[in-house]
Amino acid sequence: MARVSGLGVKRAAATLLFSLALLSVLAVGAPPARAAESADECVRLRESQEPGGLALDVDNNCERGLVCAVSWTVQCQTEKGKVTRSSKDAARFVVAASKTGRAFASTKACGDNWKIEDVSWDCSPAK
């Protein structure tokens, strides 16, 4: 009949507890799956000049709806390009899967001489 010493059992229990603790730390510290959260791969922003401003279309080629935010800066200019007025604006909207959402950067306050800069977008899965 074999005898197990108390020290061997305590060491095995300590090793088991350490291993479980290490696994739980690794599971908590692991980064979340980004593929499902990121819209970078399936969203495209298109710009098109229209009377009175610039249309900013967000094409959602993802398999789920997205909440998108688009921002921009409108600069009114003189004929020589000197900025006379600058304003930031933004729009936030939901875009269904395989659909297009639109924001419109109005330049009516500028007349004929304007420039739109700093156009950016951010989309995330709709909850």
Foldseek 3Di string as FASTA:
>chain_A
DDDDDPVNVVVVVVVVVVVVVVVVVCVVPDDDDCVQWAQVVFWDWDWDDDPFFIKIKIFGQDPAKKKKKKKKKKFAADPVRHTPDIDIDMDIDIAGHRGMDIDTDGPVVRPPGMDMDDIDMGMTGDD
